[in-house]
Amino acid sequence: MLALKYLLKAPFHLLRTPSGRELLSIFWRYGDKPRYQPSKVKFGHYQLEVPDCFSWVWQYEEIYFDEYYKFNASSPNPVIYDCGANVGMSILYFKQLYPQARIKAYEAEPQIAKYLTKNLLNNGINDVEIIQKAVWKDNLGVEFGEGQADDASIYGQGSKKLVPSVRLRDELAKEKRIDFLKIDIEGAEIDVLPDCSDVIDRVQHLFVEFHAYIGQSQALAKVIEVIEKAGFRYYIDTNQHRKAPFVNHRYRNNNVMDLQLNISAWRP
């Protein structure tokens, strides 16, 4: 009986809440769609166009079910910098949480930026500043490997292209206070965050999706050093939980990364 209860624990907890039932419904409707085919998806009162249903489903789980970006703002109009806004799921969540938030959304991949722009307009959000540039440590542009959904990066495989960049450090320096800074930039965080170290004190809540690519330095210590020196408390999580890690070195279903972490940092 105990074994059965343990096995059924996860689906039971999903079924007992509206958000859990919505998550199961989304997995059922979109989880098995063919990869990398543009599709229309729905959840709640939102409708979006996405380049890949599989990656979008996991975005939904992380953002809306697990609520990785939920934070308590000190005013009804917090300042939010969303670096790596992708197709707009994080923006929809922030605007649901704080409708009056002032948001700057950065997206480096031109095709993904088109999805972002269209999705926000189609869902009635027209007060977000969209910057179609990569956040980086200078304004000289950066070489990006091609990606199909949410995986374009400086470490991407295949042909490279030069995309415009903006120095995030200079962007943050314009603000007296940033209530939430989200950095999901596919490996560039190990260069960008140290470059921002002298202005990171303006940030109240920081989310970093850390990526380590096979053949590159993992460099987690560089990111944590900035966070600790800035006086943040932090929590690190991963959805990998891989078995036999000494022989299973690679990130699941990924041929280029061997580690991905979610780092949530806040001021005590």
C-alpha atoms as a PDB file:
ATOM      1  CA  MET A   1       0.000   0.000   0.000  1.00  0.00           C
ATOM      2  CA  LEU A   2       2.832   2.391   0.874  1.00  0.00           C
ATOM      3  CA  ALA A   3       4.553   1.617  -2.420  1.00  0.00           C
ATOM      4  CA  LEU A   4       1.365   2.357  -4.352  1.00  0.00           C
ATOM      5  CA  LYS A   5       0.890   5.637  -2.496  1.00  0.00           C
ATOM      6  CA  TYR A   6       4.476   6.611  -3.337  1.00  0.00           C
ATOM      7  CA  LEU A   7       4.048   5.797  -7.031  1.00  0.00           C
ATOM      8  CA  LEU A   8       0.758   7.710  -7.238  1.00  0.00           C
ATOM      9  CA  LYS A   9       1.934  10.682  -5.190  1.00  0.00           C
ATOM     10  CA  ALA A  10       2.995  12.872  -8.128  1.00  0.00           C
ATOM     11  CA  PRO A  11      -0.119  12.410 -10.310  1.00  0.00           C
ATOM     12  CA  PHE A  12      -2.359  12.798  -7.233  1.00  0.00           C
ATOM     13  CA  HIS A  13      -0.829  16.165  -6.377  1.00  0.00           C
ATOM     14  CA  LEU A  14      -1.200  17.284  -9.984  1.00  0.00           C
ATOM     15  CA  LEU A  15      -4.858  16.299 -10.161  1.00  0.00           C
ATOM     16  CA  ARG A  16      -5.844  17.943  -6.881  1.00  0.00           C
ATOM     17  CA  THR A  17      -5.097  21.532  -8.002  1.00  0.00           C
ATOM     18  CA  PRO A  18      -6.320  23.590 -10.987  1.00  0.00           C
ATOM     19  CA  SER A  19      -2.719  24.419 -11.977  1.00  0.00           C
ATOM     20  CA  GLY A  20      -1.773  20.740 -11.863  1.00  0.00           C
ATOM     21  CA  ARG A  21      -4.740  19.745 -13.997  1.00  0.00           C
ATOM     22  CA  GLU A  22      -3.857  22.483 -16.478  1.00  0.00           C
ATOM     23  CA  LEU A  23      -0.281  21.178 -16.661  1.00  0.00           C
ATOM     24  CA  LEU A  24      -1.468  17.639 -17.362  1.00  0.00           C
ATOM     25  CA  SER A  25      -3.826  18.955 -20.018  1.00  0.00           C
ATOM     26  CA  ILE A  26      -1.009  20.867 -21.722  1.00  0.00           C
ATOM     27  CA  PHE A  27       1.291  17.832 -21.710  1.00  0.00           C
ATOM     28  CA  TRP A  28      -1.550  15.747 -23.146  1.00  0.00           C
ATOM     29  CA  ARG A  29      -2.370  18.231 -25.922  1.00  0.00           C
ATOM     30  CA  TYR A  30       1.090  19.380 -26.925  1.00  0.00           C
ATOM     31  CA  GLY A  31       3.754  17.119 -25.423  1.00  0.00           C
ATOM     32  CA  ASP A  32       3.913  14.662 -28.326  1.00  0.00           C
ATOM     33  CA  LYS A  33       3.752  17.142 -31.185  1.00  0.00           C
ATOM     34  CA  PRO A  34       6.550  16.788 -33.793  1.00  0.00           C
ATOM     35  CA  ARG A  35       9.656  18.785 -32.882  1.00  0.00           C
ATOM     36  CA  TYR A  36      10.483  22.146 -34.404  1.00  0.00           C
ATOM     37  CA  GLN A  37       7.237  22.711 -36.264  1.00  0.00           C
ATOM     38  CA  PRO A  38       5.524  26.106 -35.815  1.00  0.00           C
ATOM     39  CA  SER A  39       2.272  25.611 -33.908  1.00  0.00           C
ATOM     40  CA  LYS A  40      -0.497  27.524 -32.190  1.00  0.00           C
ATOM     41  CA  VAL A  41      -1.000  26.782 -28.482  1.00  0.00           C
ATOM     42  CA  LYS A  42      -3.490  27.847 -25.836  1.00  0.00           C
ATOM     43  CA  PHE A  43      -3.499  28.067 -22.059  1.00  0.00           C
ATOM     44  CA  GLY A  44      -5.776  30.042 -19.796  1.00  0.00           C
ATOM     45  CA  HIS A  45      -6.985  33.003 -21.853  1.00  0.00           C
ATOM     46  CA  TYR A  46      -3.730  33.227 -23.812  1.00  0.00           C
ATOM     47  CA  GLN A  47      -3.021  32.131 -27.384  1.00  0.00           C
ATOM     48  CA  LEU A  48       0.502  31.967 -28.773  1.00  0.00           C
ATOM     49  CA  GLU A  49       2.480  30.855 -31.779  1.00  0.00           C
ATOM     50  CA  VAL A  50       5.592  28.847 -30.925  1.00  0.00           C
ATOM     51  CA  PRO A  51       8.385  27.284 -32.996  1.00  0.00           C
ATOM     52  CA  ASP A  52       8.502  24.056 -30.958  1.00  0.00           C
ATOM     53  CA  CYS A  53       5.749  22.651 -28.746  1.00  0.00           C
ATOM     54  CA  PHE A  54       8.071  20.403 -26.742  1.00  0.00           C
ATOM     55  CA  SER A  55      10.277  23.246 -25.468  1.00  0.00           C
ATOM     56  CA  TRP A  56       7.206  25.430 -24.899  1.00  0.00           C
ATOM     57  CA  VAL A  57       5.590  22.788 -22.657  1.00  0.00           C
ATOM     58  CA  TRP A  58       8.645  22.818 -20.395  1.00  0.00           C
ATOM     59  CA  GLN A  59       8.577  26.616 -20.345  1.00  0.00           C
ATOM     60  CA  TYR A  60       4.984  26.454 -19.179  1.00  0.00           C
ATOM     61  CA  GLU A  61       5.848  24.015 -16.381  1.00  0.00           C
ATOM     62  CA  GLU A  62       8.763  26.109 -15.132  1.00  0.00           C
ATOM     63  CA  ILE A  63       7.098  29.516 -15.392  1.00  0.00           C
ATOM     64  CA  TYR A  64       3.433  28.869 -14.619  1.00  0.00           C
ATOM     65  CA  PHE A  65       3.363  25.643 -12.623  1.00  0.00           C
ATOM     66  CA  ASP A  66       6.632  25.831 -10.657  1.00  0.00           C
ATOM     67  CA  GLU A  67       6.527  29.664 -10.692  1.00  0.00           C
ATOM     68  CA  TYR A  68      10.271  30.164 -10.760  1.00  0.00           C
ATOM     69  CA  TYR A  69       9.785  33.882 -11.428  1.00  0.00           C
ATOM     70  CA  LYS A  70       7.287  34.655  -8.672  1.00  0.00           C
ATOM     71  CA  PHE A  71       8.515  37.486  -6.443  1.00  0.00           C
ATOM     72  CA  ASN A  72       7.170  40.093  -4.064  1.00  0.00           C
ATOM     73  CA  ALA A  73       7.585  43.625  -5.367  1.00  0.00           C
ATOM     74  CA  SER A  74       7.636  46.685  -3.138  1.00  0.00           C
ATOM     75  CA  SER A  75       5.432  48.647  -5.559  1.00  0.00           C
ATOM     76  CA  PRO A  76       2.691  47.879  -8.108  1.00  0.00           C
ATOM     77  CA  ASN A  77       4.964  48.949 -10.993  1.00  0.00           C
ATOM     78  CA  PRO A  78       8.258  47.076 -10.568  1.00  0.00           C
ATOM     79  CA  VAL A  79      11.113  47.361 -13.066  1.00  0.00           C
ATOM     80  CA  ILE A  80      11.839  44.028 -14.761  1.00  0.00           C
ATOM     81  CA  TYR A  81      14.661  43.208 -17.174  1.00  0.00           C
ATOM     82  CA  ASP A  82      14.002  39.982 -19.073  1.00  0.00           C
ATOM     83  CA  CYS A  83      17.167  38.823 -20.830  1.00  0.00           C
ATOM     84  CA  GLY A  84      16.296  35.933 -23.097  1.00  0.00           C
ATOM     85  CA  ALA A  85      12.561  36.594 -23.376  1.00  0.00           C
ATOM     86  CA  ASN A  86      12.076  33.891 -26.038  1.00  0.00           C
ATOM     87  CA  VAL A  87       8.437  33.679 -27.277  1.00  0.00           C
ATOM     88  CA  GLY A  88       7.044  35.735 -24.388  1.00  0.00           C
ATOM     89  CA  MET A  89       5.931  33.252 -21.730  1.00  0.00           C
ATOM     90  CA  SER A  90       7.897  35.018 -19.002  1.00  0.00           C
ATOM     91  CA  ILE A  91       6.482  38.398 -20.069  1.00  0.00           C
ATOM     92  CA  LEU A  92       2.922  37.078 -19.884  1.00  0.00           C
ATOM     93  CA  TYR A  93       3.624  35.779 -16.389  1.00  0.00           C
ATOM     94  CA  PHE A  94       5.213  39.031 -15.184  1.00  0.00           C
ATOM     95  CA  LYS A  95       2.302  41.050 -16.585  1.00  0.00           C
ATOM     96  CA  GLN A  96      -0.181  38.716 -14.918  1.00  0.00           C
ATOM     97  CA  LEU A  97       1.678  39.165 -11.637  1.00  0.00           C
ATOM     98  CA  TYR A  98       2.178  42.934 -11.981  1.00  0.00           C
ATOM     99  CA  PRO A  99       0.090  44.487 -14.805  1.00  0.00           C
ATOM    100  CA  GLN A 100       1.759  47.885 -14.340  1.00  0.00           C
ATOM    101  CA  ALA A 101       5.313  46.536 -14.432  1.00  0.00           C
ATOM    102  CA  ARG A 102       7.830  48.336 -16.625  1.00  0.00           C
ATOM    103  CA  ILE A 103       9.541  45.600 -18.613  1.00  0.00           C
ATOM    104  CA  LYS A 104      12.487  45.556 -20.999  1.00  0.00           C
ATOM    105  CA  ALA A 105      12.647  42.321 -22.994  1.00  0.00           C
ATOM    106  CA  TYR A 106      15.853  41.265 -24.763  1.00  0.00           C
ATOM    107  CA  GLU A 107      15.876  38.548 -27.424  1.00  0.00           C
ATOM    108  CA  ALA A 108      18.908  37.853 -29.599  1.00  0.00           C
ATOM    109  CA  GLU A 109      17.545  35.385 -32.151  1.00  0.00           C
ATOM    110  CA  PRO A 110      15.730  37.374 -34.895  1.00  0.00           C
ATOM    111  CA  GLN A 111      13.157  34.684 -35.726  1.00  0.00           C
ATOM    112  CA  ILE A 112      12.319  34.114 -32.046  1.00  0.00           C
ATOM    113  CA  ALA A 113      12.019  37.882 -31.558  1.00  0.00           C
ATOM    114  CA  LYS A 114       9.297  37.875 -34.227  1.00  0.00           C
ATOM    115  CA  TYR A 115       7.344  35.277 -32.245  1.00  0.00           C
ATOM    116  CA  LEU A 116       7.837  37.364 -29.095  1.00  0.00           C
ATOM    117  CA  THR A 117       6.576  40.561 -30.702  1.00  0.00           C
ATOM    118  CA  LYS A 118       3.562  38.885 -32.301  1.00  0.00           C
ATOM    119  CA  ASN A 119       2.579  36.965 -29.160  1.00  0.00           C
ATOM    120  CA  LEU A 120       2.607  40.047 -26.962  1.00  0.00           C
ATOM    121  CA  LEU A 121       0.531  42.068 -29.416  1.00  0.00           C
ATOM    122  CA  ASN A 122      -1.952  39.227 -29.942  1.00  0.00           C
ATOM    123  CA  ASN A 123      -2.470  38.987 -26.194  1.00  0.00           C
ATOM    124  CA  GLY A 124      -3.021  42.697 -25.684  1.00  0.00           C
ATOM    125  CA  ILE A 125       0.373  43.580 -24.241  1.00  0.00           C
ATOM    126  CA  ASN A 126       1.735  46.679 -25.936  1.00  0.00           C
ATOM    127  CA  ASP A 127       3.700  48.424 -23.187  1.00  0.00           C
ATOM    128  CA  VAL A 128       6.814  46.210 -23.137  1.00  0.00           C
ATOM    129  CA  GLU A 129      10.034  47.513 -24.671  1.00  0.00           C
ATOM    130  CA  ILE A 130      11.487  44.792 -26.917  1.00  0.00           C
ATOM    131  CA  ILE A 131      15.197  44.971 -27.723  1.00  0.00           C
ATOM    132  CA  GLN A 132      16.183  42.606 -30.541  1.00  0.00           C
ATOM    133  CA  LYS A 133      19.789  42.269 -29.426  1.00  0.00           C
ATOM    134  CA  ALA A 134      21.899  39.859 -27.422  1.00  0.00           C
ATOM    135  CA  VAL A 135      22.869  41.015 -23.958  1.00  0.00           C
ATOM    136  CA  TRP A 136      26.638  40.849 -23.842  1.00  0.00           C
ATOM    137  CA  LYS A 137      29.736  42.505 -22.382  1.00  0.00           C
ATOM    138  CA  ASP A 138      30.030  45.051 -25.200  1.00  0.00           C
ATOM    139  CA  ASN A 139      28.019  46.644 -28.012  1.00  0.00           C
ATOM    140  CA  LEU A 140      30.074  45.218 -30.880  1.00  0.00           C
ATOM    141  CA  GLY A 141      27.865  42.260 -31.749  1.00  0.00           C
ATOM    142  CA  VAL A 142      28.379  38.597 -30.931  1.00  0.00           C
ATOM    143  CA  GLU A 143      28.648  35.415 -32.984  1.00  0.00           C
ATOM    144  CA  PHE A 144      25.667  33.136 -32.421  1.00  0.00           C
ATOM    145  CA  GLY A 145      25.247  29.509 -33.406  1.00  0.00           C
ATOM    146  CA  GLU A 146      21.916  28.733 -35.019  1.00  0.00           C
ATOM    147  CA  GLY A 147      19.031  27.465 -32.882  1.00  0.00           C
ATOM    148  CA  GLN A 148      15.546  26.200 -33.632  1.00  0.00           C
ATOM    149  CA  ALA A 149      13.518  27.120 -30.560  1.00  0.00           C
ATOM    150  CA  ASP A 150      15.259  28.151 -27.349  1.00  0.00           C
ATOM    151  CA  ASP A 151      18.817  26.942 -27.892  1.00  0.00           C
ATOM    152  CA  ALA A 152      20.592  29.548 -30.034  1.00  0.00           C
ATOM    153  CA  SER A 153      23.796  30.535 -28.239  1.00  0.00           C
ATOM    154  CA  ILE A 154      27.411  31.615 -28.536  1.00  0.00           C
ATOM    155  CA  TYR A 155      28.254  27.918 -28.135  1.00  0.00           C
ATOM    156  CA  GLY A 156      25.695  26.711 -30.665  1.00  0.00           C
ATOM    157  CA  GLN A 157      26.663  24.166 -33.266  1.00  0.00           C
ATOM    158  CA  GLY A 158      26.363  24.713 -36.995  1.00  0.00           C
ATOM    159  CA  SER A 159      26.824  27.960 -38.881  1.00  0.00           C
ATOM    160  CA  LYS A 160      27.471  31.156 -36.956  1.00  0.00           C
ATOM    161  CA  LYS A 161      25.989  34.575 -37.541  1.00  0.00           C
ATOM    162  CA  LEU A 162      26.754  37.973 -36.108  1.00  0.00           C
ATOM    163  CA  VAL A 163      23.846  39.433 -34.135  1.00  0.00           C
ATOM    164  CA  PRO A 164      23.707  42.927 -32.612  1.00  0.00           C
ATOM    165  CA  SER A 165      24.545  43.151 -28.925  1.00  0.00           C
ATOM    166  CA  VAL A 166      24.036  45.518 -26.036  1.00  0.00           C
ATOM    167  CA  ARG A 167      26.220  45.726 -22.955  1.00  0.00           C
ATOM    168  CA  LEU A 168      23.933  44.692 -20.099  1.00  0.00           C
ATOM    169  CA  ARG A 169      26.121  46.436 -17.548  1.00  0.00           C
ATOM    170  CA  ASP A 170      25.402  49.807 -19.203  1.00  0.00           C
ATOM    171  CA  GLU A 171      21.670  49.048 -19.363  1.00  0.00           C
ATOM    172  CA  LEU A 172      21.501  48.249 -15.642  1.00  0.00           C
ATOM    173  CA  ALA A 173      23.520  51.363 -14.798  1.00  0.00           C
ATOM    174  CA  LYS A 174      20.679  53.520 -16.174  1.00  0.00           C
ATOM    175  CA  GLU A 175      18.350  52.317 -13.414  1.00  0.00           C
ATOM    176  CA  LYS A 176      18.342  53.200  -9.739  1.00  0.00           C
ATOM    177  CA  ARG A 177      16.553  49.955  -8.927  1.00  0.00           C
ATOM    178  CA  ILE A 178      15.747  46.779 -10.854  1.00  0.00           C
ATOM    179  CA  ASP A 179      13.154  44.723  -9.036  1.00  0.00           C
ATOM    180  CA  PHE A 180      13.731  41.561 -11.078  1.00  0.00           C
ATOM    181  CA  LEU A 181      16.539  40.630 -13.446  1.00  0.00           C
ATOM    182  CA  LYS A 182      16.117  37.420 -15.417  1.00  0.00           C
ATOM    183  CA  ILE A 183      19.160  36.071 -17.269  1.00  0.00           C
ATOM    184  CA  ASP A 184      18.508  33.102 -19.537  1.00  0.00           C
ATOM    185  CA  ILE A 185      21.112  33.597 -22.270  1.00  0.00           C
ATOM    186  CA  GLU A 186      22.348  30.089 -23.045  1.00  0.00           C
ATOM    187  CA  GLY A 187      25.868  30.173 -21.622  1.00  0.00           C
ATOM    188  CA  ALA A 188      26.712  33.866 -22.075  1.00  0.00           C
ATOM    189  CA  GLU A 189      25.944  34.406 -18.367  1.00  0.00           C
ATOM    190  CA  ILE A 190      29.506  33.403 -17.416  1.00  0.00           C
ATOM    191  CA  ASP A 191      30.775  36.490 -19.293  1.00  0.00           C
ATOM    192  CA  VAL A 192      27.875  38.888 -18.848  1.00  0.00           C
ATOM    193  CA  LEU A 193      27.265  38.598 -15.114  1.00  0.00           C
ATOM    194  CA  PRO A 194      30.883  39.288 -14.032  1.00  0.00           C
ATOM    195  CA  ASP A 195      30.864  42.341 -16.312  1.00  0.00           C
ATOM    196  CA  CYS A 196      27.811  43.609 -14.372  1.00  0.00           C
ATOM    197  CA  SER A 197      29.362  43.101 -10.939  1.00  0.00           C
ATOM    198  CA  ASP A 198      29.738  46.823 -10.153  1.00  0.00           C
ATOM    199  CA  VAL A 199      26.055  47.588 -10.829  1.00  0.00           C
ATOM    200  CA  ILE A 200      24.377  44.379  -9.659  1.00  0.00           C
ATOM    201  CA  ASP A 201      23.649  46.069  -6.313  1.00  0.00           C
ATOM    202  CA  ARG A 202      20.694  47.747  -8.049  1.00  0.00           C
ATOM    203  CA  VAL A 203      19.016  44.345  -8.515  1.00  0.00           C
ATOM    204  CA  GLN A 204      16.619  43.063  -5.843  1.00  0.00           C
ATOM    205  CA  HIS A 205      15.748  39.649  -7.320  1.00  0.00           C
ATOM    206  CA  LEU A 206      17.974  37.773  -9.755  1.00  0.00           C
ATOM    207  CA  PHE A 207      17.246  34.629 -11.737  1.00  0.00           C
ATOM    208  CA  VAL A 208      20.074  33.016 -13.697  1.00  0.00           C
ATOM    209  CA  GLU A 209      19.619  29.918 -15.828  1.00  0.00           C
ATOM    210  CA  PHE A 210      23.151  28.557 -15.810  1.00  0.00           C
ATOM    211  CA  HIS A 211      24.390  26.473 -18.752  1.00  0.00           C
ATOM    212  CA  ALA A 212      27.585  24.467 -19.115  1.00  0.00           C
ATOM    213  CA  TYR A 213      28.524  23.304 -22.602  1.00  0.00           C
ATOM    214  CA  ILE A 214      30.569  20.216 -23.358  1.00  0.00           C
ATOM    215  CA  GLY A 215      34.129  21.205 -24.196  1.00  0.00           C
ATOM    216  CA  GLN A 216      33.833  24.586 -22.433  1.00  0.00           C
ATOM    217  CA  SER A 217      34.749  25.567 -18.904  1.00  0.00           C
ATOM    218  CA  GLN A 218      31.802  25.026 -16.558  1.00  0.00           C
ATOM    219  CA  ALA A 219      32.669  28.279 -14.721  1.00  0.00           C
ATOM    220  CA  LEU A 220      29.832  28.068 -12.193  1.00  0.00           C
ATOM    221  CA  ALA A 221      32.155  29.636  -9.622  1.00  0.00           C
ATOM    222  CA  LYS A 222      32.344  32.853 -11.676  1.00  0.00           C
ATOM    223  CA  VAL A 223      28.573  33.269 -11.462  1.00  0.00           C
ATOM    224  CA  ILE A 224      28.293  32.369  -7.783  1.00  0.00           C
ATOM    225  CA  GLU A 225      31.155  34.713  -6.873  1.00  0.00           C
ATOM    226  CA  VAL A 226      29.275  37.687  -8.322  1.00  0.00           C
ATOM    227  CA  ILE A 227      26.082  36.687  -6.514  1.00  0.00           C
ATOM    228  CA  GLU A 228      27.790  36.192  -3.145  1.00  0.00           C
ATOM    229  CA  LYS A 229      29.865  39.382  -3.313  1.00  0.00           C
ATOM    230  CA  ALA A 230      26.685  41.349  -4.113  1.00  0.00           C
ATOM    231  CA  GLY A 231      25.136  40.177  -0.826  1.00  0.00           C
ATOM    232  CA  PHE A 232      22.424  37.917  -2.239  1.00  0.00           C
ATOM    233  CA  ARG A 233      21.059  34.797  -0.636  1.00  0.00           C
ATOM    234  CA  TYR A 234      20.466  32.136  -3.262  1.00  0.00           C
ATOM    235  CA  TYR A 235      18.933  28.772  -4.038  1.00  0.00           C
ATOM    236  CA  ILE A 236      20.125  26.389  -6.765  1.00  0.00           C
ATOM    237  CA  ASP A 237      17.877  23.809  -8.386  1.00  0.00           C
ATOM    238  CA  THR A 238      17.905  21.517 -11.393  1.00  0.00           C
ATOM    239  CA  ASN A 239      15.302  19.289 -12.993  1.00  0.00           C
ATOM    240  CA  GLN A 240      17.931  16.827 -14.149  1.00  0.00           C
ATOM    241  CA  HIS A 241      18.364  14.635 -11.037  1.00  0.00           C
ATOM    242  CA  ARG A 242      20.290  12.194 -13.197  1.00  0.00           C
ATOM    243  CA  LYS A 243      21.105   8.699 -12.000  1.00  0.00           C
ATOM    244  CA  ALA A 244      24.682   7.371 -11.878  1.00  0.00           C
ATOM    245  CA  PRO A 245      26.275  10.799 -12.479  1.00  0.00           C
ATOM    246  CA  PHE A 246      29.834   9.441 -12.545  1.00  0.00           C
ATOM    247  CA  VAL A 247      29.034   7.505 -15.716  1.00  0.00           C
ATOM    248  CA  ASN A 248      26.091   9.549 -16.991  1.00  0.00           C
ATOM    249  CA  HIS A 249      27.796  12.837 -17.774  1.00  0.00           C
ATOM    250  CA  ARG A 250      25.479  14.402 -20.299  1.00  0.00           C
ATOM    251  CA  TYR A 251      22.387  16.523 -19.931  1.00  0.00           C
ATOM    252  CA  ARG A 252      19.286  14.491 -20.818  1.00  0.00           C
ATOM    253  CA  ASN A 253      18.161  14.766 -24.461  1.00  0.00           C
ATOM    254  CA  ASN A 254      20.911  17.292 -25.159  1.00  0.00           C
ATOM    255  CA  ASN A 255      24.068  16.723 -27.165  1.00  0.00           C
ATOM    256  CA  VAL A 256      25.819  20.000 -26.364  1.00  0.00           C
ATOM    257  CA  MET A 257      25.282  20.649 -22.626  1.00  0.00           C
ATOM    258  CA  ASP A 258      26.272  18.647 -19.570  1.00  0.00           C
ATOM    259  CA  LEU A 259      24.765  20.877 -16.870  1.00  0.00           C
ATOM    260  CA  GLN A 260      21.888  23.309 -16.457  1.00  0.00           C
ATOM    261  CA  LEU A 261      20.927  24.961 -13.174  1.00  0.00           C
ATOM    262  CA  ASN A 262      18.311  27.452 -12.031  1.00  0.00           C
ATOM    263  CA  ILE A 263      19.789  29.998  -9.636  1.00  0.00           C
ATOM    264  CA  SER A 264      17.327  32.181  -7.718  1.00  0.00           C
ATOM    265  CA  ALA A 265      18.925  35.007  -5.720  1.00  0.00           C
ATOM    266  CA  TRP A 266      17.341  37.659  -3.518  1.00  0.00           C
ATOM    267  CA  ARG A 267      18.321  40.337  -1.051  1.00  0.00           C
ATOM    268  CA  PRO A 268      17.734  39.344   2.602  1.00  0.00           C
END
